[in-house]
Amino acid sequence: MNARRRVATLGVAVGGVLAGHWFTYVLVSPHAHARTALLRDTGHAYLGLANDAALVLALAAFASIFLGRLTDRDVGRGGRIAGVVVGFPVAAFAIMEPLARAPAGAPLRPLLHGAVLPVGVAVQVAVGLLAALLIALLLRAADRVRTVIRAGSVVPSRPAIAFAIHGRVVVLSGRELFANGVRGPPPTH
């Protein structure tokens, strides 16, 4: 996997860890008022703004992966990409939780004996697997787009539309539908 793909994959992983972090707290504390207090008390007041930035980063990373695949097939192995987008968020979550709590003076005992850590790890794995699936789908879509572009055709060669005119079935291909100068089927007098 080249450096550009590693950076893009890491961008997806960073977006995933922050989104997973937020979703963990939604599951652990479903009521917004209580969740806001919990986030503030545990040093996570930054999470709302960080999630906005993570969303932009992740979308840019997905776009980079898609566009990069159009020009370069060397993206890396699916297992390696999945390892990054699953492994990194789990490790980052496990490290970020105590680091966020320490400056806020929040005790670590609830973290070790409460629901946040196990729920958070499970959420990070789920978000990472979803991200890996999205990357795989983007790569497949980019391969198809690249095949169409290289073939010099941007419309399907299979029939695109079929309809009846005066009891006769007329089938038009995508090329006929989108060709310059074609305004409709020929008149049947």
Foldseek 3Di string as FASTA:
>chain_A
DDPLLVQLLLLLLQLLLLVLLVVLLCVQPVDPVVSCVVCLLQQNNCSVVSNVVSVVSNVVSLVSLLVVLLPDVPNDDLVVSLCNSQVVSLVCNVVVRVVSRVVSVHDCVCVVVHDSNVSSSVSSNVSSVVSSVSSVVSSVVSVVCSVCVVVVHDFDQDFDDWDDDPNDIDTDGRCLVPPPPRDDDDDDD
